Amino acid sequence: MTDVVDADELLRRIRRARDCAAEQERAWWERAGSLAATDPDGAREASARARAYEAVLRVLEEIVDPGRAPAVESGVKQVT
């Protein structure tokens, strides 16, 4: 990582990372759902990984679009 990049390239890289994190989050949630009935431990691990990607995704979204309200999750209401 010794390349010097301009702001536009940095933003492109962050957006690619954000898209990758979103895809990984979806994939791990799907895996958790498919394992729930047959492998509870595997489902728990997959859920933990999905939550980790969710946290990364939120940070990257805040970098790309600061101050935007986070997406509302089903069944979860943000209380202020």
Protein backbone atom coordinates (compact mmCIF):
# COMPACT_ATOMS: atom_id res chain seq x y z
CA MET A 1 0.00 0.00 0.00
CA THR A 2 2.64 2.49 -0.98
CA ASP A 3 0.58 3.87 -3.87
CA VAL A 4 -0.47 7.47 -3.61
CA VAL A 5 -4.12 7.81 -4.58
CA ASP A 6 -6.34 10.81 -5.04
CA ALA A 7 -9.64 11.36 -3.23
CA ASP A 8 -11.72 9.97 -6.12
CA GLU A 9 -9.77 6.71 -6.18
CA LEU A 10 -9.99 6.43 -2.41
CA LEU A 11 -13.77 6.91 -2.56
CA ARG A 12 -14.04 4.25 -5.29
CA ARG A 13 -12.10 1.81 -3.13
CA ILE A 14 -14.26 2.53 -0.10
CA ARG A 15 -17.41 2.02 -2.17
CA ARG A 16 -16.10 -1.32 -3.46
CA ALA A 17 -15.34 -2.37 0.11
CA ARG A 18 -18.84 -1.26 1.16
CA ASP A 19 -20.42 -3.31 -1.63
CA CYS A 20 -18.33 -6.33 -0.68
CA ALA A 21 -19.31 -5.99 2.99
CA ALA A 22 -22.99 -5.76 2.01
CA GLU A 23 -22.72 -8.91 -0.09
CA GLN A 24 -20.92 -10.81 2.67
CA GLU A 25 -23.50 -9.69 5.23
CA ARG A 26 -26.33 -10.99 3.02
CA ALA A 27 -24.52 -14.27 2.40
CA TRP A 28 -23.88 -14.89 6.10
CA TRP A 29 -27.49 -14.06 7.06
CA GLU A 30 -28.70 -16.52 4.40
CA ARG A 31 -26.33 -19.17 5.72
CA ALA A 32 -27.49 -18.55 9.29
CA GLY A 33 -31.09 -18.99 8.17
CA SER A 34 -30.37 -22.20 6.33
CA LEU A 35 -28.45 -23.67 9.27
CA ALA A 36 -30.93 -22.66 11.98
CA ALA A 37 -32.88 -25.93 11.97
CA THR A 38 -30.03 -28.38 11.44
CA ASP A 39 -26.94 -26.79 13.03
CA PRO A 40 -27.68 -24.25 15.78
CA ASP A 41 -23.99 -23.69 16.55
CA GLY A 42 -23.21 -23.07 12.91
CA ALA A 43 -26.17 -20.72 12.67
CA ARG A 44 -24.91 -18.77 15.69
CA GLU A 45 -21.45 -18.45 14.17
CA ALA A 46 -22.90 -17.35 10.84
CA SER A 47 -25.06 -14.77 12.63
CA ALA A 48 -22.02 -13.41 14.45
CA ARG A 49 -20.14 -13.07 11.17
CA ALA A 50 -23.13 -11.34 9.58
CA ARG A 51 -23.25 -8.86 12.47
CA ALA A 52 -19.52 -8.18 12.06
CA TYR A 53 -20.02 -7.39 8.38
CA GLU A 54 -23.02 -5.25 9.31
CA ALA A 55 -20.80 -3.15 11.60
CA VAL A 56 -18.19 -2.75 8.87
CA LEU A 57 -20.90 -1.81 6.40
CA ARG A 58 -22.29 0.89 8.71
CA VAL A 59 -18.85 2.43 9.15
CA LEU A 60 -18.18 2.46 5.42
CA GLU A 61 -21.62 3.93 4.71
CA GLU A 62 -20.93 6.70 7.22
CA ILE A 63 -17.65 7.48 5.43
CA VAL A 64 -19.32 7.58 2.00
CA ASP A 65 -22.50 9.36 3.08
CA PRO A 66 -21.97 11.04 6.47
CA GLY A 67 -24.98 11.83 8.61
CA ARG A 68 -27.45 9.76 6.62
CA ALA A 69 -29.90 7.91 8.80
CA PRO A 70 -29.07 4.19 9.09
CA ALA A 71 -31.35 1.73 7.38
CA VAL A 72 -34.16 0.51 9.60
CA GLU A 73 -33.90 -3.17 10.35
CA SER A 74 -37.01 -5.28 10.49
CA GLY A 75 -38.42 -5.27 13.98
CA VAL A 76 -35.79 -2.91 15.34
CA LYS A 77 -36.66 0.66 16.20
CA GLN A 78 -33.97 3.19 17.04
CA VAL A 79 -34.82 5.10 20.20
CA THR A 80 -33.29 8.51 20.74
